[in-house]
mmCIF file of all heavy atoms, coordinates in Angstrom:
data_MODEL
# 
_entry.id   MODEL 
# 
loop_
_atom_site.group_PDB 
_atom_site.id 
_atom_site.type_symbol 
_atom_site.label_atom_id 
_atom_site.label_alt_id 
_atom_site.label_comp_id 
_atom_site.label_asym_id 
_atom_site.label_entity_id 
_atom_site.label_seq_id 
_atom_site.pdbx_PDB_ins_code 
_atom_site.Cartn_x 
_atom_site.Cartn_y 
_atom_site.Cartn_z 
_atom_site.occupancy 
_atom_site.B_iso_or_equiv 
_atom_site.pdbx_formal_charge 
_atom_site.auth_seq_id 
_atom_site.auth_comp_id 
_atom_site.auth_asym_id 
_atom_site.auth_atom_id 
_atom_site.pdbx_PDB_model_num 
ATOM 1   N N   . ASN A 1 1  ? 21.526 -4.914 -14.167 1.00 0.00 ? 1  ASN A N   1 
ATOM 2   C CA  . ASN A 1 1  ? 22.015 -3.971 -15.145 1.00 0.00 ? 1  ASN A CA  1 
ATOM 3   C C   . ASN A 1 1  ? 23.286 -3.126 -14.791 1.00 0.00 ? 1  ASN A C   1 
ATOM 4   O O   . ASN A 1 1  ? 23.712 -2.221 -15.419 1.00 0.00 ? 1  ASN A O   1 
ATOM 5   C CB  . ASN A 1 1  ? 20.951 -3.038 -15.579 1.00 0.00 ? 1  ASN A CB  1 
ATOM 6   C CG  . ASN A 1 1  ? 19.901 -3.699 -16.408 1.00 0.00 ? 1  ASN A CG  1 
ATOM 7   O OD1 . ASN A 1 1  ? 20.177 -4.285 -17.477 1.00 0.00 ? 1  ASN A OD1 1 
ATOM 8   N ND2 . ASN A 1 1  ? 18.614 -3.628 -15.965 1.00 0.00 ? 1  ASN A ND2 1 
ATOM 9   N N   . LYS A 1 2  ? 23.742 -3.636 -13.499 1.00 0.00 ? 2  LYS A N   1 
ATOM 10  C CA  . LYS A 1 2  ? 24.976 -2.994 -13.016 1.00 0.00 ? 2  LYS A CA  1 
ATOM 11  C C   . LYS A 1 2  ? 25.026 -1.554 -12.961 1.00 0.00 ? 2  LYS A C   1 
ATOM 12  O O   . LYS A 1 2  ? 25.998 -0.724 -13.259 1.00 0.00 ? 2  LYS A O   1 
ATOM 13  C CB  . LYS A 1 2  ? 26.248 -3.414 -14.039 1.00 0.00 ? 2  LYS A CB  1 
ATOM 14  C CG  . LYS A 1 2  ? 26.502 -4.902 -14.098 1.00 0.00 ? 2  LYS A CG  1 
ATOM 15  C CD  . LYS A 1 2  ? 27.590 -5.195 -15.072 1.00 0.00 ? 2  LYS A CD  1 
ATOM 16  C CE  . LYS A 1 2  ? 28.065 -6.760 -14.902 1.00 0.00 ? 2  LYS A CE  1 
ATOM 17  N NZ  . LYS A 1 2  ? 26.887 -7.695 -15.031 1.00 0.00 ? 2  LYS A NZ  1 
ATOM 18  N N   . SER A 1 3  ? 23.920 -0.992 -12.336 1.00 0.00 ? 3  SER A N   1 
ATOM 19  C CA  . SER A 1 3  ? 23.834 0.425  -11.917 1.00 0.00 ? 3  SER A CA  1 
ATOM 20  C C   . SER A 1 3  ? 24.871 0.662  -10.805 1.00 0.00 ? 3  SER A C   1 
ATOM 21  O O   . SER A 1 3  ? 25.181 -0.234 -10.003 1.00 0.00 ? 3  SER A O   1 
ATOM 22  C CB  . SER A 1 3  ? 22.430 0.775  -11.431 1.00 0.00 ? 3  SER A CB  1 
ATOM 23  O OG  . SER A 1 3  ? 21.594 0.659  -12.527 1.00 0.00 ? 3  SER A OG  1 
ATOM 24  N N   . LYS A 1 4  ? 25.281 1.941  -10.831 1.00 0.00 ? 4  LYS A N   1 
ATOM 25  C CA  . LYS A 1 4  ? 26.298 2.291  -9.715  1.00 0.00 ? 4  LYS A CA  1 
ATOM 26  C C   . LYS A 1 4  ? 25.570 2.417  -8.366  1.00 0.00 ? 4  LYS A C   1 
ATOM 27  O O   . LYS A 1 4  ? 26.159 2.123  -7.238  1.00 0.00 ? 4  LYS A O   1 
ATOM 28  C CB  . LYS A 1 4  ? 26.912 3.700  -10.033 1.00 0.00 ? 4  LYS A CB  1 
ATOM 29  C CG  . LYS A 1 4  ? 27.853 3.777  -11.181 1.00 0.00 ? 4  LYS A CG  1 
ATOM 30  C CD  . LYS A 1 4  ? 28.402 5.150  -11.358 1.00 0.00 ? 4  LYS A CD  1 
ATOM 31  C CE  . LYS A 1 4  ? 29.310 5.297  -12.587 1.00 0.00 ? 4  LYS A CE  1 
ATOM 32  N NZ  . LYS A 1 4  ? 29.751 6.670  -12.693 1.00 0.00 ? 4  LYS A NZ  1 
ATOM 33  N N   . LYS A 1 5  ? 24.366 2.918  -8.318  1.00 0.00 ? 5  LYS A N   1 
ATOM 34  C CA  . LYS A 1 5  ? 23.783 3.350  -7.120  1.00 0.00 ? 5  LYS A CA  1 
ATOM 35  C C   . LYS A 1 5  ? 22.265 3.224  -7.217  1.00 0.00 ? 5  LYS A C   1 
ATOM 36  O O   . LYS A 1 5  ? 21.644 3.552  -8.287  1.00 0.00 ? 5  LYS A O   1 
ATOM 37  C CB  . LYS A 1 5  ? 24.128 4.812  -6.785  1.00 0.00 ? 5  LYS A CB  1 
ATOM 38  C CG  . LYS A 1 5  ? 23.665 5.375  -5.517  1.00 0.00 ? 5  LYS A CG  1 
ATOM 39  C CD  . LYS A 1 5  ? 24.409 4.727  -4.321  1.00 0.00 ? 5  LYS A CD  1 
ATOM 40  C CE  . LYS A 1 5  ? 24.110 5.407  -2.980  1.00 0.00 ? 5  LYS A CE  1 
ATOM 41  N NZ  . LYS A 1 5  ? 24.553 6.829  -2.924  1.00 0.00 ? 5  LYS A NZ  1 
ATOM 42  N N   . TYR A 1 6  ? 21.647 2.789  -6.178  1.00 0.00 ? 6  TYR A N   1 
ATOM 43  C CA  . TYR A 1 6  ? 20.125 2.806  -6.064  1.00 0.00 ? 6  TYR A CA  1 
ATOM 44  C C   . TYR A 1 6  ? 19.749 3.593  -4.856  1.00 0.00 ? 6  TYR A C   1 
ATOM 45  O O   . TYR A 1 6  ? 20.165 3.382  -3.796  1.00 0.00 ? 6  TYR A O   1 
ATOM 46  C CB  . TYR A 1 6  ? 19.660 1.395  -5.867  1.00 0.00 ? 6  TYR A CB  1 
ATOM 47  C CG  . TYR A 1 6  ? 18.171 1.218  -5.936  1.00 0.00 ? 6  TYR A CG  1 
ATOM 48  C CD1 . TYR A 1 6  ? 17.462 0.871  -6.992  1.00 0.00 ? 6  TYR A CD1 1 
ATOM 49  C CD2 . TYR A 1 6  ? 17.361 1.345  -4.709  1.00 0.00 ? 6  TYR A CD2 1 
ATOM 50  C CE1 . TYR A 1 6  ? 16.081 0.765  -7.107  1.00 0.00 ? 6  TYR A CE1 1 
ATOM 51  C CE2 . TYR A 1 6  ? 16.049 1.246  -4.647  1.00 0.00 ? 6  TYR A CE2 1 
ATOM 52  C CZ  . TYR A 1 6  ? 15.414 0.891  -5.850  1.00 0.00 ? 6  TYR A CZ  1 
ATOM 53  O OH  . TYR A 1 6  ? 13.984 0.768  -5.855  1.00 0.00 ? 6  TYR A OH  1 
ATOM 54  N N   . PHE A 1 7  ? 18.833 4.649  -5.065  1.00 0.00 ? 7  PHE A N   1 
ATOM 55  C CA  . PHE A 1 7  ? 18.309 5.505  -4.006  1.00 0.00 ? 7  PHE A CA  1 
ATOM 56  C C   . PHE A 1 7  ? 16.850 5.352  -3.933  1.00 0.00 ? 7  PHE A C   1 
ATOM 57  O O   . PHE A 1 7  ? 16.116 5.155  -4.886  1.00 0.00 ? 7  PHE A O   1 
ATOM 58  C CB  . PHE A 1 7  ? 18.591 6.885  -4.297  1.00 0.00 ? 7  PHE A CB  1 
ATOM 59  C CG  . PHE A 1 7  ? 17.836 7.861  -3.480  1.00 0.00 ? 7  PHE A CG  1 
ATOM 60  C CD1 . PHE A 1 7  ? 18.263 8.124  -2.149  1.00 0.00 ? 7  PHE A CD1 1 
ATOM 61  C CD2 . PHE A 1 7  ? 16.620 8.367  -3.817  1.00 0.00 ? 7  PHE A CD2 1 
ATOM 62  C CE1 . PHE A 1 7  ? 17.584 9.073  -1.355  1.00 0.00 ? 7  PHE A CE1 1 
ATOM 63  C CE2 . PHE A 1 7  ? 15.882 9.262  -2.993  1.00 0.00 ? 7  PHE A CE2 1 
ATOM 64  C CZ  . PHE A 1 7  ? 16.454 9.586  -1.817  1.00 0.00 ? 7  PHE A CZ  1 
ATOM 65  N N   . CYS A 1 8  ? 16.338 5.311  -2.692  1.00 0.00 ? 8  CYS A N   1 
ATOM 66  C CA  . CYS A 1 8  ? 14.864 5.198  -2.550  1.00 0.00 ? 8  CYS A CA  1 
ATOM 67  C C   . CYS A 1 8  ? 14.451 6.015  -1.209  1.00 0.00 ? 8  CYS A C   1 
ATOM 68  O O   . CYS A 1 8  ? 15.267 6.312  -0.379  1.00 0.00 ? 8  CYS A O   1 
ATOM 69  C CB  . CYS A 1 8  ? 14.314 3.838  -2.343  1.00 0.00 ? 8  CYS A CB  1 
ATOM 70  S SG  . CYS A 1 8  ? 14.959 2.841  -1.107  1.00 0.00 ? 8  CYS A SG  1 
ATOM 71  N N   . VAL A 1 9  ? 13.214 6.387  -1.241  1.00 0.00 ? 9  VAL A N   1 
ATOM 72  C CA  . VAL A 1 9  ? 12.752 7.320  -0.194  1.00 0.00 ? 9  VAL A CA  1 
ATOM 73  C C   . VAL A 1 9  ? 12.053 6.429  0.911   1.00 0.00 ? 9  VAL A C   1 
ATOM 74  O O   . VAL A 1 9  ? 11.250 5.651  0.597   1.00 0.00 ? 9  VAL A O   1 
ATOM 75  C CB  . VAL A 1 9  ? 11.679 8.355  -0.700  1.00 0.00 ? 9  VAL A CB  1 
ATOM 76  C CG1 . VAL A 1 9  ? 10.993 9.011  0.479   1.00 0.00 ? 9  VAL A CG1 1 
ATOM 77  C CG2 . VAL A 1 9  ? 12.405 9.269  -1.554  1.00 0.00 ? 9  VAL A CG2 1 
ATOM 78  N N   . SER A 1 10 ? 12.480 6.726  2.131   1.00 0.00 ? 10 SER A N   1 
ATOM 79  C CA  . SER A 1 10 ? 11.810 6.056  3.316   1.00 0.00 ? 10 SER A CA  1 
ATOM 80  C C   . SER A 1 10 ? 10.963 7.185  3.849   1.00 0.00 ? 10 SER A C   1 
ATOM 81  O O   . SER A 1 10 ? 10.466 8.042  3.139   1.00 0.00 ? 10 SER A O   1 
ATOM 82  C CB  . SER A 1 10 ? 12.836 5.560  4.308   1.00 0.00 ? 10 SER A CB  1 
ATOM 83  O OG  . SER A 1 10 ? 12.151 4.917  5.374   1.00 0.00 ? 10 SER A OG  1 
ATOM 84  N N   . THR A 1 11 ? 10.801 7.288  5.163   1.00 0.00 ? 11 THR A N   1 
ATOM 85  C CA  . THR A 1 11 ? 9.995  8.236  5.841   1.00 0.00 ? 11 THR A CA  1 
ATOM 86  C C   . THR A 1 11 ? 10.344 8.374  7.270   1.00 0.00 ? 11 THR A C   1 
ATOM 87  O O   . THR A 1 11 ? 10.970 7.479  7.830   1.00 0.00 ? 11 THR A O   1 
ATOM 88  C CB  . THR A 1 11 ? 8.476  7.840  5.782   1.00 0.00 ? 11 THR A CB  1 
ATOM 89  O OG1 . THR A 1 11 ? 7.710  8.706  6.561   1.00 0.00 ? 11 THR A OG1 1 
ATOM 90  C CG2 . THR A 1 11 ? 8.236  6.459  6.245   1.00 0.00 ? 11 THR A CG2 1 
ATOM 91  N N   . ASP A 1 12 ? 10.134 9.615  7.828   1.00 0.00 ? 12 ASP A N   1 
ATOM 92  C CA  . ASP A 1 12 ? 10.362 9.721  9.274   1.00 0.00 ? 12 ASP A CA  1 
ATOM 93  C C   . ASP A 1 12 ? 9.497  8.771  10.043  1.00 0.00 ? 12 ASP A C   1 
ATOM 94  O O   . ASP A 1 12 ? 9.881  8.387  11.216  1.00 0.00 ? 12 ASP A O   1 
ATOM 95  C CB  . ASP A 1 12 ? 10.017 11.183 9.737   1.00 0.00 ? 12 ASP A CB  1 
ATOM 96  C CG  . ASP A 1 12 ? 8.649  11.649 9.363   1.00 0.00 ? 12 ASP A CG  1 
ATOM 97  O OD1 . ASP A 1 12 ? 8.275  11.632 8.176   1.00 0.00 ? 12 ASP A OD1 1 
ATOM 98  O OD2 . ASP A 1 12 ? 7.832  11.977 10.285  1.00 0.00 ? 12 ASP A OD2 1 
ATOM 99  N N   . LYS A 1 13 ? 8.358  8.327  9.499   1.00 0.00 ? 13 LYS A N   1 
ATOM 100 C CA  . LYS A 1 13 ? 7.379  7.422  10.245  1.00 0.00 ? 13 LYS A CA  1 
ATOM 101 C C   . LYS A 1 13 ? 7.969  6.054  10.264  1.00 0.00 ? 13 LYS A C   1 
ATOM 102 O O   . LYS A 1 13 ? 7.371  5.140  10.999  1.00 0.00 ? 13 LYS A O   1 
ATOM 103 C CB  . LYS A 1 13 ? 6.073  7.426  9.398   1.00 0.00 ? 13 LYS A CB  1 
ATOM 104 C CG  . LYS A 1 13 ? 5.437  8.797  9.533   1.00 0.00 ? 13 LYS A CG  1 
ATOM 105 C CD  . LYS A 1 13 ? 4.142  8.877  8.690   1.00 0.00 ? 13 LYS A CD  1 
ATOM 106 C CE  . LYS A 1 13 ? 3.482  10.287 8.749   1.00 0.00 ? 13 LYS A CE  1 
ATOM 107 N NZ  . LYS A 1 13 ? 4.239  11.245 8.113   1.00 0.00 ? 13 LYS A NZ  1 
ATOM 108 N N   . ALA A 1 14 ? 9.196  5.690  9.660   1.00 0.00 ? 14 ALA A N   1 
ATOM 109 C CA  . ALA A 1 14 ? 9.826  4.489  9.777   1.00 0.00 ? 14 ALA A CA  1 
ATOM 110 C C   . ALA A 1 14 ? 10.549 4.370  11.086  1.00 0.00 ? 14 ALA A C   1 
ATOM 111 O O   . ALA A 1 14 ? 11.034 3.199  11.496  1.00 0.00 ? 14 ALA A O   1 
ATOM 112 C CB  . ALA A 1 14 ? 10.683 4.245  8.544   1.00 0.00 ? 14 ALA A CB  1 
ATOM 113 N N   . ALA A 1 15 ? 10.908 5.449  11.691  1.00 0.00 ? 15 ALA A N   1 
ATOM 114 C CA  . ALA A 1 15 ? 11.650 5.436  13.019  1.00 0.00 ? 15 ALA A CA  1 
ATOM 115 C C   . ALA A 1 15 ? 10.541 5.227  14.073  1.00 0.00 ? 15 ALA A C   1 
ATOM 116 O O   . ALA A 1 15 ? 9.678  6.056  14.370  1.00 0.00 ? 15 ALA A O   1 
ATOM 117 C CB  . ALA A 1 15 ? 12.358 6.759  13.198  1.00 0.00 ? 15 ALA A CB  1 
ATOM 118 N N   . ASN A 1 16 ? 10.706 4.058  14.703  1.00 0.00 ? 16 ASN A N   1 
ATOM 119 C CA  . ASN A 1 16 ? 9.775  3.692  15.743  1.00 0.00 ? 16 ASN A CA  1 
ATOM 120 C C   . ASN A 1 16 ? 8.267  3.809  15.281  1.00 0.00 ? 16 ASN A C   1 
ATOM 121 O O   . ASN A 1 16 ? 7.428  4.512  15.751  1.00 0.00 ? 16 ASN A O   1 
ATOM 122 C CB  . ASN A 1 16 ? 9.890  4.465  17.036  1.00 0.00 ? 16 ASN A CB  1 
ATOM 123 C CG  . ASN A 1 16 ? 11.218 4.336  17.705  1.00 0.00 ? 16 ASN A CG  1 
ATOM 124 O OD1 . ASN A 1 16 ? 11.630 3.177  17.842  1.00 0.00 ? 16 ASN A OD1 1 
ATOM 125 N ND2 . ASN A 1 16 ? 11.924 5.419  18.021  1.00 0.00 ? 16 ASN A ND2 1 
ATOM 126 N N   . PRO A 1 17 ? 7.965  3.010  14.166  1.00 0.00 ? 17 PRO A N   1 
ATOM 127 C CA  . PRO A 1 17 ? 6.651  3.186  13.506  1.00 0.00 ? 17 PRO A CA  1 
ATOM 128 C C   . PRO A 1 17 ? 5.430  2.878  14.398  1.00 0.00 ? 17 PRO A C   1 
ATOM 129 O O   . PRO A 1 17 ? 5.447  2.039  15.330  1.00 0.00 ? 17 PRO A O   1 
ATOM 130 C CB  . PRO A 1 17 ? 6.813  2.248  12.392  1.00 0.00 ? 17 PRO A CB  1 
ATOM 131 C CG  . PRO A 1 17 ? 7.660  1.172  12.775  1.00 0.00 ? 17 PRO A CG  1 
ATOM 132 C CD  . PRO A 1 17 ? 8.715  1.848  13.607  1.00 0.00 ? 17 PRO A CD  1 
ATOM 133 N N   . VAL A 1 18 ? 4.335  3.642  14.155  1.00 0.00 ? 18 VAL A N   1 
ATOM 134 C CA  . VAL A 1 18 ? 3.058  3.403  14.885  1.00 0.00 ? 18 VAL A CA  1 
ATOM 135 C C   . VAL A 1 18 ? 1.991  3.166  13.970  1.00 0.00 ? 18 VAL A C   1 
ATOM 136 O O   . VAL A 1 18 ? 0.836  2.899  14.232  1.00 0.00 ? 18 VAL A O   1 
ATOM 137 C CB  . VAL A 1 18 ? 2.710  4.515  15.872  1.00 0.00 ? 18 VAL A CB  1 
ATOM 138 C CG1 . VAL A 1 18 ? 3.832  4.735  16.879  1.00 0.00 ? 18 VAL A CG1 1 
ATOM 139 C CG2 . VAL A 1 18 ? 2.453  5.865  15.108  1.00 0.00 ? 18 VAL A CG2 1 
ATOM 140 N N   . ASN A 1 19 ? 2.281  3.304  12.593  1.00 0.00 ? 19 ASN A N   1 
ATOM 141 C CA  . ASN A 1 19 ? 1.263  3.012  11.570  1.00 0.00 ? 19 ASN A CA  1 
ATOM 142 C C   . ASN A 1 19 ? 1.779  2.128  10.489  1.00 0.00 ? 19 ASN A C   1 
ATOM 143 O O   . ASN A 1 19 ? 2.977  1.884  10.359  1.00 0.00 ? 19 ASN A O   1 
ATOM 144 C CB  . ASN A 1 19 ? 0.681  4.389  11.029  1.00 0.00 ? 19 ASN A CB  1 
ATOM 145 C CG  . ASN A 1 19 ? 1.785  5.274  10.414  1.00 0.00 ? 19 ASN A CG  1 
ATOM 146 O OD1 . ASN A 1 19 ? 2.556  4.769  9.553   1.00 0.00 ? 19 ASN A OD1 1 
ATOM 147 N ND2 . ASN A 1 19 ? 1.987  6.483  11.046  1.00 0.00 ? 19 ASN A ND2 1 
ATOM 148 N N   . MET A 1 20 ? 0.866  1.540  9.683   1.00 0.00 ? 20 MET A N   1 
ATOM 149 C CA  . MET A 1 20 ? 1.246  0.486  8.725   1.00 0.00 ? 20 MET A CA  1 
ATOM 150 C C   . MET A 1 20 ? 2.099  1.158  7.590   1.00 0.00 ? 20 MET A C   1 
ATOM 151 O O   . MET A 1 20 ? 2.959  0.437  6.994   1.00 0.00 ? 20 MET A O   1 
ATOM 152 C CB  . MET A 1 20 ? -0.019 -0.135 8.170   1.00 0.00 ? 20 MET A CB  1 
ATOM 153 C CG  . MET A 1 20 ? -0.861 -0.770 9.209   1.00 0.00 ? 20 MET A CG  1 
ATOM 154 S SD  . MET A 1 20 ? -0.032 -2.195 9.941   1.00 0.00 ? 20 MET A SD  1 
ATOM 155 C CE  . MET A 1 20 ? -0.284 -3.416 8.681   1.00 0.00 ? 20 MET A CE  1 
ATOM 156 N N   . MET A 1 21 ? 1.777  2.461  7.217   1.00 0.00 ? 21 MET A N   1 
ATOM 157 C CA  . MET A 1 21 ? 2.671  3.101  6.198   1.00 0.00 ? 21 MET A CA  1 
ATOM 158 C C   . MET A 1 21 ? 4.139  3.124  6.707   1.00 0.00 ? 21 MET A C   1 
ATOM 159 O O   . MET A 1 21 ? 5.076  2.867  5.979   1.00 0.00 ? 21 MET A O   1 
ATOM 160 C CB  . MET A 1 21 ? 2.142  4.445  5.845   1.00 0.00 ? 21 MET A CB  1 
ATOM 161 C CG  . MET A 1 21 ? 2.831  5.078  4.678   1.00 0.00 ? 21 MET A CG  1 
ATOM 162 S SD  . MET A 1 21 ? 4.365  5.754  4.809   1.00 0.00 ? 21 MET A SD  1 
ATOM 163 C CE  . MET A 1 21 ? 4.021  7.230  5.576   1.00 0.00 ? 21 MET A CE  1 
ATOM 164 N N   . GLY A 1 22 ? 4.332  3.738  7.935   1.00 0.00 ? 22 GLY A N   1 
ATOM 165 C CA  . GLY A 1 22 ? 5.632  3.778  8.443   1.00 0.00 ? 22 GLY A CA  1 
ATOM 166 C C   . GLY A 1 22 ? 6.334  2.371  8.585   1.00 0.00 ? 22 GLY A C   1 
ATOM 167 O O   . GLY A 1 22 ? 7.534  2.272  8.224   1.00 0.00 ? 22 GLY A O   1 
ATOM 168 N N   . ALA A 1 23 ? 5.557  1.408  9.010   1.00 0.00 ? 23 ALA A N   1 
ATOM 169 C CA  . ALA A 1 23 ? 6.113  0.115  9.138   1.00 0.00 ? 23 ALA A CA  1 
ATOM 170 C C   . ALA A 1 23 ? 6.462  -0.474 7.844   1.00 0.00 ? 23 ALA A C   1 
ATOM 171 O O   . ALA A 1 23 ? 7.462  -1.257 7.688   1.00 0.00 ? 23 ALA A O   1 
ATOM 172 C CB  . ALA A 1 23 ? 5.096  -0.796 9.894   1.00 0.00 ? 23 ALA A CB  1 
ATOM 173 N N   . SER A 1 24 ? 5.586  -0.219 6.772   1.00 0.00 ? 24 SER A N   1 
ATOM 174 C CA  . SER A 1 24 ? 5.932  -0.834 5.425   1.00 0.00 ? 24 SER A CA  1 
ATOM 175 C C   . SER A 1 24 ? 7.329  -0.185 4.930   1.00 0.00 ? 24 SER A C   1 
ATOM 176 O O   . SER A 1 24 ? 8.103  -0.935 4.248   1.00 0.00 ? 24 SER A O   1 
ATOM 177 C CB  . SER A 1 24 ? 4.882  -0.440 4.444   1.00 0.00 ? 24 SER A CB  1 
ATOM 178 O OG  . SER A 1 24 ? 4.830  0.903  4.120   1.00 0.00 ? 24 SER A OG  1 
ATOM 179 N N   . LYS A 1 25 ? 7.585  1.079  5.263   1.00 0.00 ? 25 LYS A N   1 
ATOM 180 C CA  . LYS A 1 25 ? 8.835  1.671  4.880   1.00 0.00 ? 25 LYS A CA  1 
ATOM 181 C C   . LYS A 1 25 ? 10.017 1.133  5.608   1.00 0.00 ? 25 LYS A C   1 
ATOM 182 O O   . LYS A 1 25 ? 11.161 0.965  5.185   1.00 0.00 ? 25 LYS A O   1 
ATOM 183 C CB  . LYS A 1 25 ? 8.748  3.216  4.914   1.00 0.00 ? 25 LYS A CB  1 
ATOM 184 C CG  . LYS A 1 25 ? 7.957  3.877  3.917   1.00 0.00 ? 25 LYS A CG  1 
ATOM 185 C CD  . LYS A 1 25 ? 8.652  3.735  2.479   1.00 0.00 ? 25 LYS A CD  1 
ATOM 186 C CE  . LYS A 1 25 ? 7.988  4.669  1.536   1.00 0.00 ? 25 LYS A CE  1 
ATOM 187 N NZ  . LYS A 1 25 ? 8.740  4.682  0.252   1.00 0.00 ? 25 LYS A NZ  1 
# 
């Protein structure tokens, strides 16, 4: 649909993840 920008939320837990939630992000 030719949007200008897509934004989404990750998590601090994605930095060197130790749990599945952080790893999924």
